[in-house]
Amino acid sequence: MVLIDRRQMLALSAWAAASSRAWAQAPMEPHERDLYEAARREGQVTWYSAQYSADTSEAIGRAFTERYPGVRCSVVRSTSQVAFQRLSQDQRAGVAQCDVFASSNGGHYIQLKRQNRLTQFRPVNADGMLPMLRTADPDNYFQYSSLGIYLLGHNTNMVSDAEAPKSWADVLDPKWKDKLAVGHPGFSGAIGIWALQMRSMFGPDFLRRFERNKPQVGRSSIDPVTMMTAGERAVGVAVPSASTLFAASRGNPLKLIYPTEGVVAVPAPSAIMSNAPNPNAAKLFMEFNTGPALSRITRTMFSESLRPDVPPPEGCRPLDQVTLLSPSLEDADRGVPELREQWRDIFGV
């Protein structure tokens, strides 16, 4: 793995800022201008963001408003399950607040589509995305807008490269008791997807065997990165590559581990709510979500690029050199809710 020092980080940030400014000043395409004129009459878009960190989400919101003056992006950042609960509370209260819903749990969209709560819309920019991300839903009720890669990581001051686990199966070894950290599927959609994939690969007793090692359970998938950084735990399980690389770029002794079985890939959708109070601004934001500007911004935070015209972040293996593991959206819809209950029963949290 290539570690990024502070000078490289500043260079990346400067490159992204310059790219963002150039994009903000670039002429608009005809379809983009039409949406912008309609969105400007609405004045804002509210984005329930659960796919990026708070800092990254705010940077995305600022870039959108810079490109489209007069259309303010209101960012509501939380974990995926909390965002979905907030959306459900809005519905029960008869309140329409969310324009664009972005969760890392693909099963949410199967459910929302089934309930006729999504707007049918395909961004023009989706045609320029990576082939694996171009079509999330054949009926175009939701569209991929982020790609999370989840793997193992370790604190190099606490565990050497030679001693570190090499595979997902290794975290079941008793020698890692009281040394592991993981997120919670009741809060993080990505952790739900990871746990479902592990159970599929290693059998229904995987979680019980994993619990015997007494991992420290946080909420977000980012929490284990914080725990490793603080020296509370030596190994992070199902940590996002972006957050781990970002922490390492700040001088923290963290390193990614690419498990021999493959990494868990979580392509995560966004969708416009059927009762969106600002539907034109929402469509404009979906164009922004799938265009090159978003990948340029998130690349500086080490998130995977969604497009072939934006290079992958520094320190990441090219996706064509990595085995990608992921359940289908339908499997996630069926399996993650049941798995969350099993998790609470096993871990007691």
Protein backbone atom coordinates (compact mmCIF):
# COMPACT_ATOMS: atom_id res chain seq x y z
CA MET A 1 0.00 0.00 0.00
CA VAL A 2 1.19 3.52 -0.80
CA LEU A 3 0.93 5.83 2.22
CA ILE A 4 0.06 9.45 1.48
CA ASP A 5 2.08 12.10 3.29
CA ARG A 6 0.86 15.58 4.19
CA ARG A 7 2.46 17.19 1.13
CA GLN A 8 0.71 14.76 -1.20
CA MET A 9 -2.55 15.32 0.66
CA LEU A 10 -2.28 19.07 0.21
CA ALA A 11 -1.48 18.57 -3.48
CA LEU A 12 -4.54 16.37 -3.90
CA SER A 13 -6.74 18.92 -2.12
CA ALA A 14 -5.38 21.73 -4.28
CA TRP A 15 -5.99 19.66 -7.42
CA ALA A 16 -9.57 18.94 -6.35
CA ALA A 17 -10.23 22.58 -5.47
CA ALA A 18 -8.88 23.71 -8.84
CA SER A 19 -10.92 21.05 -10.62
CA SER A 20 -14.03 22.07 -8.69
CA ARG A 21 -13.53 25.74 -9.56
CA ALA A 22 -13.02 24.90 -13.22
CA TRP A 23 -16.14 22.77 -13.21
CA ALA A 24 -18.15 25.47 -11.41
CA GLN A 25 -17.22 27.96 -14.12
CA ALA A 26 -17.65 25.62 -17.10
CA PRO A 27 -20.57 26.17 -19.49
CA MET A 28 -23.66 24.14 -18.70
CA GLU A 29 -25.04 21.47 -20.98
CA PRO A 30 -28.57 22.22 -22.30
CA HIS A 31 -30.28 19.60 -20.10
CA GLU A 32 -28.31 20.87 -17.10
CA ARG A 33 -29.27 24.49 -17.70
CA ASP A 34 -32.95 23.61 -18.03
CA LEU A 35 -32.85 21.77 -14.70
CA TYR A 36 -30.91 24.62 -13.09
CA GLU A 37 -33.47 27.24 -14.15
CA ALA A 38 -36.26 25.13 -12.64
CA ALA A 39 -34.20 24.34 -9.52
CA ARG A 40 -33.38 27.99 -8.94
CA ARG A 41 -37.09 28.73 -8.59
CA GLU A 42 -37.20 26.11 -5.81
CA GLY A 43 -34.07 27.49 -4.13
CA GLN A 44 -32.74 24.45 -2.30
CA VAL A 45 -32.33 20.69 -2.13
CA THR A 46 -32.30 18.59 1.05
CA TRP A 47 -29.95 15.62 0.94
CA TYR A 48 -30.13 12.80 3.48
CA SER A 49 -26.48 11.73 3.26
CA ALA A 50 -25.29 8.40 4.68
CA GLN A 51 -22.68 7.43 2.10
CA TYR A 52 -19.91 9.89 2.93
CA SER A 53 -18.39 11.33 6.10
CA ALA A 54 -19.68 14.61 7.49
CA ASP A 55 -16.70 16.56 6.11
CA THR A 56 -17.02 15.03 2.67
CA SER A 57 -20.79 15.51 2.60
CA GLU A 58 -20.42 19.18 3.47
CA ALA A 59 -17.74 19.61 0.78
CA ILE A 60 -20.08 18.04 -1.77
CA GLY A 61 -22.89 20.34 -0.69
CA ARG A 62 -20.68 23.42 -1.00
CA ALA A 63 -19.48 22.40 -4.46
CA PHE A 64 -23.04 21.89 -5.66
CA THR A 65 -24.09 25.35 -4.45
CA GLU A 66 -20.98 26.91 -6.00
CA ARG A 67 -21.89 25.40 -9.35
CA TYR A 68 -25.56 26.35 -9.01
CA PRO A 69 -25.87 29.71 -7.20
CA GLY A 70 -29.29 30.19 -5.71
CA VAL A 71 -29.81 26.46 -5.09
CA ARG A 72 -28.63 25.74 -1.55
CA CYS A 73 -27.78 22.15 -0.63
CA SER A 74 -28.95 21.33 2.89
CA VAL A 75 -26.94 18.32 4.12
CA VAL A 76 -28.49 16.01 6.73
CA ARG A 77 -25.68 13.57 7.62
CA SER A 78 -26.20 10.35 9.58
CA THR A 79 -25.64 6.60 9.33
CA SER A 80 -27.80 4.67 6.85
CA GLN A 81 -30.19 3.14 9.37
CA VAL A 82 -30.68 6.46 11.16
CA ALA A 83 -31.35 8.18 7.82
CA PHE A 84 -33.91 5.52 6.91
CA GLN A 85 -35.56 5.84 10.33
CA ARG A 86 -35.74 9.61 9.84
CA LEU A 87 -37.35 9.06 6.44
CA SER A 88 -39.89 6.68 8.00
CA GLN A 89 -40.66 9.20 10.73
CA ASP A 90 -41.21 11.88 8.07
CA GLN A 91 -43.71 9.60 6.34
CA ARG A 92 -45.63 8.79 9.53
CA ALA A 93 -45.82 12.49 10.39
CA GLY A 94 -46.98 13.35 6.88
CA VAL A 95 -43.98 15.63 6.41
CA ALA A 96 -41.97 15.94 3.19
CA GLN A 97 -38.43 17.06 4.00
CA CYS A 98 -36.05 14.84 2.05
CA ASP A 99 -35.44 15.45 -1.65
CA VAL A 100 -32.59 12.99 -2.27
CA PHE A 101 -32.05 9.92 -0.07
CA ALA A 102 -28.56 8.36 -0.08
CA SER A 103 -28.04 5.15 1.91
CA SER A 104 -25.33 2.48 1.88
CA ASN A 105 -28.01 -0.21 2.31
CA GLY A 106 -29.32 -1.12 -1.13
CA GLY A 107 -32.22 -2.99 0.44
CA HIS A 108 -33.74 0.34 1.47
CA TYR A 109 -34.39 1.14 -2.18
CA ILE A 110 -36.08 -2.17 -2.92
CA GLN A 111 -38.46 -1.42 -0.06
CA LEU A 112 -39.04 2.22 -1.03
CA LYS A 113 -39.65 1.30 -4.65
CA ARG A 114 -42.13 -1.38 -3.59
CA GLN A 115 -43.97 1.28 -1.56
CA ASN A 116 -44.11 3.67 -4.56
CA ARG A 117 -42.11 6.26 -2.65
CA LEU A 118 -39.48 6.99 -5.32
CA THR A 119 -39.47 9.17 -8.43
CA GLN A 120 -38.52 7.61 -11.76
CA PHE A 121 -35.50 9.48 -13.14
CA ARG A 122 -32.28 8.55 -14.92
CA PRO A 123 -29.48 11.14 -14.90
CA VAL A 124 -27.83 11.77 -18.25
CA ASN A 125 -24.44 11.59 -16.50
CA ALA A 126 -25.10 7.97 -15.47
CA ASP A 127 -24.09 6.87 -18.97
CA GLY A 128 -20.51 8.00 -18.25
CA MET A 129 -20.05 6.01 -15.04
CA LEU A 130 -18.11 2.77 -14.59
CA PRO A 131 -19.97 -0.08 -16.34
CA MET A 132 -20.74 -1.83 -13.04
CA LEU A 133 -22.44 1.34 -11.74
CA ARG A 134 -24.43 2.55 -14.73
CA THR A 135 -27.67 0.74 -13.95
CA ALA A 136 -28.76 0.18 -10.37
CA ASP A 137 -32.43 -0.27 -11.20
CA PRO A 138 -33.71 -1.28 -14.67
CA ASP A 139 -36.76 0.91 -14.06
CA ASN A 140 -34.59 3.92 -13.10
CA TYR A 141 -36.10 4.62 -9.69
CA PHE A 142 -32.64 4.77 -8.09
CA GLN A 143 -29.07 5.21 -9.30
CA TYR A 144 -25.68 4.29 -7.84
CA SER A 145 -23.91 7.31 -6.40
CA SER A 146 -21.05 5.88 -4.33
CA LEU A 147 -18.88 2.79 -4.12
CA GLY A 148 -17.56 1.73 -0.74
CA ILE A 149 -14.75 -0.83 -0.40
CA TYR A 150 -14.63 -2.59 2.98
CA LEU A 151 -11.70 -4.66 4.15
CA LEU A 152 -9.39 -5.18 7.12
CA GLY A 153 -6.97 -2.72 8.65
CA HIS A 154 -4.44 -2.74 11.43
CA ASN A 155 -2.49 -0.42 13.71
CA THR A 156 1.11 -1.05 12.67
CA ASN A 157 2.41 -0.09 16.13
CA MET A 158 0.32 -2.86 17.68
CA VAL A 159 0.43 -5.58 15.02
CA SER A 160 3.16 -6.14 12.43
CA ASP A 161 2.44 -6.92 8.80
CA ALA A 162 3.59 -10.48 9.33
CA GLU A 163 1.29 -11.01 12.31
CA ALA A 164 -1.75 -9.23 10.89
CA PRO A 165 -4.73 -11.28 9.67
CA LYS A 166 -4.61 -12.10 5.97
CA SER A 167 -8.20 -13.20 5.38
CA TRP A 168 -11.72 -12.71 6.67
CA ALA A 169 -11.57 -16.20 8.17
CA ASP A 170 -8.51 -15.18 10.21
CA VAL A 171 -10.57 -12.85 12.43
CA LEU A 172 -12.19 -15.97 13.93
CA ASP A 173 -8.83 -17.09 15.35
CA PRO A 174 -8.92 -16.91 19.20
CA LYS A 175 -5.60 -15.02 19.20
CA TRP A 176 -7.57 -11.90 18.16
CA LYS A 177 -9.78 -11.94 21.23
CA ASP A 178 -10.20 -8.41 22.62
CA LYS A 179 -8.17 -6.97 19.72
CA LEU A 180 -10.84 -6.41 17.07
CA ALA A 181 -13.21 -3.53 16.30
CA VAL A 182 -16.28 -3.47 14.05
CA GLY A 183 -19.32 -1.31 13.28
CA HIS A 184 -22.97 -2.19 13.91
CA PRO A 185 -25.50 -3.29 11.25
CA GLY A 186 -28.25 -1.59 13.23
CA PHE A 187 -26.67 1.76 12.32
CA SER A 188 -24.45 1.12 9.29
CA GLY A 189 -25.93 -0.32 6.11
CA ALA A 190 -22.43 -1.26 4.95
CA ILE A 191 -21.83 -3.38 8.05
CA GLY A 192 -25.11 -5.15 7.40
CA ILE A 193 -23.95 -5.96 3.87
CA TRP A 194 -20.57 -7.15 5.17
CA ALA A 195 -22.11 -9.42 7.80
CA LEU A 196 -24.54 -10.86 5.25
CA GLN A 197 -21.63 -11.60 2.89
CA MET A 198 -19.62 -13.25 5.68
CA ARG A 199 -22.54 -15.44 6.66
CA SER A 200 -22.99 -16.45 3.03
CA MET A 201 -19.30 -17.36 2.70
CA PHE A 202 -18.63 -18.99 6.07
CA GLY A 203 -22.00 -20.30 7.19
CA PRO A 204 -24.72 -19.33 9.68
CA ASP A 205 -22.46 -19.61 12.74
CA PHE A 206 -19.98 -16.97 11.54
CA LEU A 207 -21.33 -14.22 13.79
CA ARG A 208 -21.36 -16.43 16.88
CA ARG A 209 -17.76 -17.46 16.27
CA PHE A 210 -16.83 -13.84 15.63
CA GLU A 211 -18.51 -12.73 18.88
CA ARG A 212 -16.33 -15.13 20.88
CA ASN A 213 -13.39 -12.84 20.12
CA LYS A 214 -15.24 -9.99 21.86
CA PRO A 215 -14.83 -7.29 19.21
CA GLN A 216 -15.46 -3.73 20.32
CA VAL A 217 -18.68 -2.74 18.53
CA GLY A 218 -19.16 0.86 17.44
CA ARG A 219 -21.92 2.30 15.30
CA SER A 220 -20.61 3.57 11.97
CA SER A 221 -18.12 1.58 9.89
CA ILE A 222 -15.75 4.50 10.52
CA ASP A 223 -15.71 3.88 14.29
CA PRO A 224 -13.19 1.00 14.07
CA VAL A 225 -10.80 3.36 12.24
CA THR A 226 -11.08 5.76 15.19
CA MET A 227 -10.51 2.90 17.64
CA MET A 228 -7.39 1.75 15.79
CA THR A 229 -6.09 5.31 15.61
CA ALA A 230 -6.57 5.71 19.36
CA GLY A 231 -4.81 2.40 20.04
CA GLU A 232 -7.94 0.92 21.62
CA ARG A 233 -7.98 -2.02 19.19
CA ALA A 234 -5.29 -3.46 16.95
CA VAL A 235 -7.39 -4.65 14.00
CA GLY A 236 -10.41 -3.08 12.31
CA VAL A 237 -12.92 -5.39 10.63
CA ALA A 238 -14.95 -4.19 7.63
CA VAL A 239 -13.32 -0.78 7.66
CA PRO A 240 -13.85 1.56 4.68
CA SER A 241 -10.76 2.00 2.56
CA ALA A 242 -11.41 5.74 2.22
CA SER A 243 -11.53 6.51 5.94
CA THR A 244 -8.54 4.30 6.71
CA LEU A 245 -6.37 5.85 4.01
CA PHE A 246 -7.42 9.34 5.06
CA ALA A 247 -6.46 8.63 8.69
CA ALA A 248 -3.13 7.17 7.53
CA SER A 249 -2.48 10.30 5.45
CA ARG A 250 -2.64 12.29 8.69
CA GLY A 251 0.30 10.35 10.06
CA ASN A 252 -1.60 7.68 11.97
CA PRO A 253 -0.01 4.18 12.00
CA LEU A 254 -2.75 2.49 9.99
CA LYS A 255 -2.54 0.15 7.06
CA LEU A 256 -5.08 -1.60 4.88
CA ILE A 257 -5.24 -5.39 4.50
CA TYR A 258 -6.77 -6.80 1.32
CA PRO A 259 -8.30 -10.14 2.45
CA THR A 260 -7.39 -13.15 0.33
CA GLU A 261 -11.05 -13.92 -0.34
CA GLY A 262 -11.70 -10.43 -1.70
CA VAL A 263 -13.05 -7.09 -0.48
CA VAL A 264 -16.69 -6.35 0.23
CA ALA A 265 -17.92 -3.86 -2.35
CA VAL A 266 -20.98 -1.81 -1.47
CA PRO A 267 -22.26 0.14 -4.46
CA ALA A 268 -24.79 2.45 -2.86
CA PRO A 269 -27.70 4.19 -4.57
CA SER A 270 -29.39 7.54 -4.30
CA ALA A 271 -32.99 8.29 -5.20
CA ILE A 272 -35.45 11.16 -5.41
CA MET A 273 -38.41 10.81 -3.07
CA SER A 274 -41.85 10.79 -4.69
CA ASN A 275 -42.94 13.59 -2.33
CA ALA A 276 -39.73 15.60 -2.73
CA PRO A 277 -40.51 19.26 -1.97
CA ASN A 278 -37.90 20.38 -4.53
CA PRO A 279 -38.12 17.84 -7.38
CA ASN A 280 -36.19 19.83 -10.00
CA ALA A 281 -33.36 20.62 -7.59
CA ALA A 282 -33.34 16.92 -6.72
CA LYS A 283 -32.93 15.95 -10.37
CA LEU A 284 -30.12 18.47 -10.72
CA PHE A 285 -28.43 17.01 -7.64
CA MET A 286 -28.72 13.50 -9.10
CA GLU A 287 -26.95 14.73 -12.25
CA PHE A 288 -24.24 16.18 -10.01
CA ASN A 289 -24.02 12.90 -8.03
CA THR A 290 -23.26 10.89 -11.16
CA GLY A 291 -21.00 13.41 -12.90
CA PRO A 292 -17.20 13.82 -12.78
CA ALA A 293 -17.20 16.68 -10.26
CA LEU A 294 -18.37 14.49 -7.39
CA SER A 295 -15.66 11.89 -8.05
CA ARG A 296 -13.02 14.63 -8.15
CA ILE A 297 -14.16 15.95 -4.78
CA THR A 298 -14.47 12.58 -3.04
CA ARG A 299 -11.15 11.38 -4.49
CA THR A 300 -9.33 13.80 -2.19
CA MET A 301 -10.92 11.92 0.71
CA PHE A 302 -9.78 8.61 -0.85
CA SER A 303 -13.24 7.49 -1.94
CA GLU A 304 -13.43 5.27 -5.01
CA SER A 305 -14.00 7.06 -8.31
CA LEU A 306 -17.34 6.31 -9.95
CA ARG A 307 -16.14 7.15 -13.45
CA PRO A 308 -13.38 6.05 -15.84
CA ASP A 309 -12.57 9.71 -16.61
CA VAL A 310 -11.51 10.32 -12.96
CA PRO A 311 -8.54 8.24 -11.70
CA PRO A 312 -8.83 6.12 -8.53
CA PRO A 313 -7.56 7.64 -5.27
CA GLU A 314 -3.90 7.40 -4.33
CA GLY A 315 -3.07 4.30 -2.30
CA CYS A 316 -5.95 2.14 -3.59
CA ARG A 317 -5.55 -0.94 -5.72
CA PRO A 318 -7.24 -0.63 -9.12
CA LEU A 319 -10.64 -2.30 -9.01
CA ASP A 320 -9.75 -4.62 -11.87
CA GLN A 321 -7.02 -6.12 -9.62
CA VAL A 322 -9.34 -6.87 -6.71
CA THR A 323 -11.99 -9.55 -6.17
CA LEU A 324 -15.23 -7.73 -5.35
CA LEU A 325 -17.70 -9.51 -3.06
CA SER A 326 -21.25 -8.29 -2.66
CA PRO A 327 -24.75 -9.70 -2.19
CA SER A 328 -27.44 -8.59 -4.63
CA LEU A 329 -29.80 -5.77 -3.69
CA GLU A 330 -32.60 -8.33 -3.45
CA ASP A 331 -30.56 -10.50 -1.06
CA ALA A 332 -29.75 -7.42 1.01
CA ASP A 333 -33.42 -6.49 1.17
CA ARG A 334 -34.35 -9.95 2.43
CA GLY A 335 -31.31 -10.72 4.56
CA VAL A 336 -30.11 -7.57 6.33
CA PRO A 337 -33.23 -6.93 8.49
CA GLU A 338 -33.14 -10.52 9.79
CA LEU A 339 -29.38 -10.30 10.28
CA ARG A 340 -29.70 -7.16 12.41
CA GLU A 341 -31.96 -9.05 14.81
CA GLN A 342 -29.52 -11.96 14.90
CA TRP A 343 -26.68 -9.53 15.62
CA ARG A 344 -28.50 -8.00 18.59
CA ASP A 345 -29.28 -11.47 19.92
CA ILE A 346 -25.65 -12.59 19.64
CA PHE A 347 -23.80 -9.41 20.67
CA GLY A 348 -26.38 -8.02 23.07
CA VAL A 349 -26.13 -4.56 21.47
